[in-house]
Amino acid sequence: MSGVQLGLGDRTVVVAGAGGDGIGTGVSSMLVHSGATVLGLDVDRDALALTERAIGADGLVLLTEWNEFRNLDFAKLKTLMRQPLLVDLRNIYEPSRVTSFGFRHVSVGRPSKDPN
């Protein structure tokens, strides 16, 4: 991931599963290097904490398969976030479910899907 420049400027990204492992650290570092403010979630493993941190966020990145994040309230998140974007790096959500709430869904090994 070194050398990746995303030009995120003043964007805020919530990263769930941003713990001390290589993937979480690498993704968070890349986002910060690209200009984003990263709000990480790890120890709490709490969907309520994720919802609170999502206020005004431009994106949500899931790096984990924790059960606490498998049933997110996308309708509520959409009202709180500045930009409804889910980057699902564990493919725990079906794209059609996420996009039905007005989110753009980006995942691994599947095409990105814009809202319905």
C-alpha atoms as a PDB file:
ATOM      1  CA  MET A   1       0.000   0.000   0.000  1.00  0.00           C
ATOM      2  CA  SER A   2       2.929   2.335   0.195  1.00  0.00           C
ATOM      3  CA  GLY A   3       2.804   5.152  -2.297  1.00  0.00           C
ATOM      4  CA  VAL A   4      -0.990   5.058  -2.616  1.00  0.00           C
ATOM      5  CA  GLN A   5      -2.404   8.594  -2.703  1.00  0.00           C
ATOM      6  CA  LEU A   6      -6.163   8.832  -2.512  1.00  0.00           C
ATOM      7  CA  GLY A   7      -6.504  12.609  -2.187  1.00  0.00           C
ATOM      8  CA  LEU A   8      -8.971  12.389   0.664  1.00  0.00           C
ATOM      9  CA  GLY A   9      -8.391  15.950   1.843  1.00  0.00           C
ATOM     10  CA  ASP A  10     -10.696  16.758   4.720  1.00  0.00           C
ATOM     11  CA  ARG A  11     -12.588  13.452   4.702  1.00  0.00           C
ATOM     12  CA  THR A  12     -13.388  11.542   7.882  1.00  0.00           C
ATOM     13  CA  VAL A  13     -13.400   7.754   7.750  1.00  0.00           C
ATOM     14  CA  VAL A  14     -14.533   5.380  10.491  1.00  0.00           C
ATOM     15  CA  VAL A  15     -12.469   2.175  10.485  1.00  0.00           C
ATOM     16  CA  ALA A  16     -13.942  -0.770  12.398  1.00  0.00           C
ATOM     17  CA  GLY A  17     -11.305  -3.327  13.299  1.00  0.00           C
ATOM     18  CA  ALA A  18      -8.389  -0.901  13.188  1.00  0.00           C
ATOM     19  CA  GLY A  19      -6.487  -2.754  15.911  1.00  0.00           C
ATOM     20  CA  GLY A  20      -2.795  -3.407  16.082  1.00  0.00           C
ATOM     21  CA  ASP A  21      -2.704  -6.024  13.324  1.00  0.00           C
ATOM     22  CA  GLY A  22      -0.936  -5.327  10.067  1.00  0.00           C
ATOM     23  CA  ILE A  23      -4.058  -4.867   7.972  1.00  0.00           C
ATOM     24  CA  GLY A  24      -5.767  -2.395  10.313  1.00  0.00           C
ATOM     25  CA  THR A  25      -2.593  -0.424  10.840  1.00  0.00           C
ATOM     26  CA  GLY A  26      -1.802  -0.406   7.114  1.00  0.00           C
ATOM     27  CA  VAL A  27      -5.258   0.743   6.038  1.00  0.00           C
ATOM     28  CA  SER A  28      -5.416   3.416   8.720  1.00  0.00           C
ATOM     29  CA  SER A  29      -1.921   4.676   7.858  1.00  0.00           C
ATOM     30  CA  MET A  30      -2.771   4.830   4.156  1.00  0.00           C
ATOM     31  CA  LEU A  31      -5.925   6.821   4.873  1.00  0.00           C
ATOM     32  CA  VAL A  32      -4.089   9.264   7.148  1.00  0.00           C
ATOM     33  CA  HIS A  33      -1.266   9.636   4.600  1.00  0.00           C
ATOM     34  CA  SER A  34      -3.919  10.496   2.017  1.00  0.00           C
ATOM     35  CA  GLY A  35      -5.257  13.300   4.178  1.00  0.00           C
ATOM     36  CA  ALA A  36      -8.190  11.623   5.919  1.00  0.00           C
ATOM     37  CA  THR A  37      -9.074  11.812   9.572  1.00  0.00           C
ATOM     38  CA  VAL A  38      -9.407   8.224  10.795  1.00  0.00           C
ATOM     39  CA  LEU A  39     -11.690   7.326  13.663  1.00  0.00           C
ATOM     40  CA  GLY A  40     -10.780   3.783  14.648  1.00  0.00           C
ATOM     41  CA  LEU A  41     -12.848   1.224  16.502  1.00  0.00           C
ATOM     42  CA  ASP A  42     -11.261  -1.787  18.056  1.00  0.00           C
ATOM     43  CA  VAL A  43     -11.429  -2.417  21.751  1.00  0.00           C
ATOM     44  CA  ASP A  44     -15.062  -1.418  22.217  1.00  0.00           C
ATOM     45  CA  ARG A  45     -16.310  -3.658  19.404  1.00  0.00           C
ATOM     46  CA  ASP A  46     -19.585  -1.847  19.801  1.00  0.00           C
ATOM     47  CA  ALA A  47     -22.041  -0.945  17.060  1.00  0.00           C
ATOM     48  CA  LEU A  48     -23.283   1.963  19.204  1.00  0.00           C
ATOM     49  CA  ALA A  49     -19.756   3.405  19.327  1.00  0.00           C
ATOM     50  CA  LEU A  50     -19.543   2.982  15.557  1.00  0.00           C
ATOM     51  CA  THR A  51     -22.834   4.842  15.142  1.00  0.00           C
ATOM     52  CA  GLU A  52     -21.603   7.690  17.360  1.00  0.00           C
ATOM     53  CA  ARG A  53     -18.331   7.994  15.437  1.00  0.00           C
ATOM     54  CA  ALA A  54     -20.171   7.911  12.109  1.00  0.00           C
ATOM     55  CA  ILE A  55     -21.716  11.340  12.719  1.00  0.00           C
ATOM     56  CA  GLY A  56     -20.489  13.512   9.846  1.00  0.00           C
ATOM     57  CA  ALA A  57     -18.241  10.757   8.451  1.00  0.00           C
ATOM     58  CA  ASP A  58     -17.561  10.345   4.748  1.00  0.00           C
ATOM     59  CA  GLY A  59     -17.142   6.613   4.840  1.00  0.00           C
ATOM     60  CA  LEU A  60     -17.161   3.476   6.942  1.00  0.00           C
ATOM     61  CA  VAL A  61     -14.521   0.771   6.456  1.00  0.00           C
ATOM     62  CA  LEU A  62     -15.143  -2.693   7.903  1.00  0.00           C
ATOM     63  CA  LEU A  63     -11.938  -4.670   8.460  1.00  0.00           C
ATOM     64  CA  THR A  64     -13.535  -7.191  10.759  1.00  0.00           C
ATOM     65  CA  GLU A  65     -16.106  -9.950  10.837  1.00  0.00           C
ATOM     66  CA  TRP A  66     -17.048  -9.275  14.460  1.00  0.00           C
ATOM     67  CA  ASN A  67     -20.667 -10.151  15.133  1.00  0.00           C
ATOM     68  CA  GLU A  68     -21.227  -6.692  16.639  1.00  0.00           C
ATOM     69  CA  PHE A  69     -20.963  -5.190  13.147  1.00  0.00           C
ATOM     70  CA  ARG A  70     -23.053  -7.741  11.218  1.00  0.00           C
ATOM     71  CA  ASN A  71     -26.381  -6.032  11.774  1.00  0.00           C
ATOM     72  CA  LEU A  72     -25.741  -2.318  11.372  1.00  0.00           C
ATOM     73  CA  ASP A  73     -28.648   0.102  11.226  1.00  0.00           C
ATOM     74  CA  PHE A  74     -27.986   1.510   7.755  1.00  0.00           C
ATOM     75  CA  ALA A  75     -31.109   3.684   7.788  1.00  0.00           C
ATOM     76  CA  LYS A  76     -29.837   5.477  10.895  1.00  0.00           C
ATOM     77  CA  LEU A  77     -26.238   5.602   9.660  1.00  0.00           C
ATOM     78  CA  LYS A  78     -27.364   7.267   6.422  1.00  0.00           C
ATOM     79  CA  THR A  79     -28.970  10.090   8.371  1.00  0.00           C
ATOM     80  CA  LEU A  80     -25.778  10.613  10.409  1.00  0.00           C
ATOM     81  CA  MET A  81     -23.065  10.337   7.765  1.00  0.00           C
ATOM     82  CA  ARG A  82     -22.014  13.105   5.408  1.00  0.00           C
ATOM     83  CA  GLN A  83     -21.472  10.530   2.630  1.00  0.00           C
ATOM     84  CA  PRO A  84     -23.103   7.087   2.737  1.00  0.00           C
ATOM     85  CA  LEU A  85     -20.191   4.834   1.757  1.00  0.00           C
ATOM     86  CA  LEU A  86     -19.434   1.347   3.098  1.00  0.00           C
ATOM     87  CA  VAL A  87     -16.114  -0.287   2.271  1.00  0.00           C
ATOM     88  CA  ASP A  88     -16.710  -3.890   3.330  1.00  0.00           C
ATOM     89  CA  LEU A  89     -13.304  -5.571   3.256  1.00  0.00           C
ATOM     90  CA  ARG A  90     -14.662  -8.821   4.744  1.00  0.00           C
ATOM     91  CA  ASN A  91     -17.703  -9.149   2.452  1.00  0.00           C
ATOM     92  CA  ILE A  92     -20.085  -9.568   5.370  1.00  0.00           C
ATOM     93  CA  TYR A  93     -22.901  -7.611   3.687  1.00  0.00           C
ATOM     94  CA  GLU A  94     -24.767  -8.297   0.490  1.00  0.00           C
ATOM     95  CA  PRO A  95     -24.323  -5.264  -1.778  1.00  0.00           C
ATOM     96  CA  SER A  96     -28.046  -5.075  -2.594  1.00  0.00           C
ATOM     97  CA  ARG A  97     -28.954  -4.804   1.102  1.00  0.00           C
ATOM     98  CA  VAL A  98     -26.527  -1.930   1.686  1.00  0.00           C
ATOM     99  CA  THR A  99     -27.434  -0.040  -1.480  1.00  0.00           C
ATOM    100  CA  SER A 100     -31.157  -0.310  -0.709  1.00  0.00           C
ATOM    101  CA  PHE A 101     -30.475   2.155   2.138  1.00  0.00           C
ATOM    102  CA  GLY A 102     -28.790   4.633  -0.208  1.00  0.00           C
ATOM    103  CA  PHE A 103     -25.195   3.593   0.475  1.00  0.00           C
ATOM    104  CA  ARG A 104     -22.475   2.982  -2.061  1.00  0.00           C
ATOM    105  CA  HIS A 105     -21.015  -0.478  -1.374  1.00  0.00           C
ATOM    106  CA  VAL A 106     -17.384  -1.326  -2.112  1.00  0.00           C
ATOM    107  CA  SER A 107     -16.022  -4.779  -1.328  1.00  0.00           C
ATOM    108  CA  VAL A 108     -13.315  -7.260  -2.244  1.00  0.00           C
ATOM    109  CA  GLY A 109     -13.692  -9.457  -5.320  1.00  0.00           C
ATOM    110  CA  ARG A 110     -17.087  -8.035  -6.253  1.00  0.00           C
ATOM    111  CA  PRO A 111     -17.951  -4.979  -8.310  1.00  0.00           C
ATOM    112  CA  SER A 112     -18.747  -1.783  -6.432  1.00  0.00           C
ATOM    113  CA  LYS A 113     -22.443  -1.039  -6.314  1.00  0.00           C
ATOM    114  CA  ASP A 114     -24.076   2.385  -6.222  1.00  0.00           C
ATOM    115  CA  PRO A 115     -27.364   3.046  -4.411  1.00  0.00           C
ATOM    116  CA  ASN A 116     -30.621   1.905  -5.996  1.00  0.00           C
END
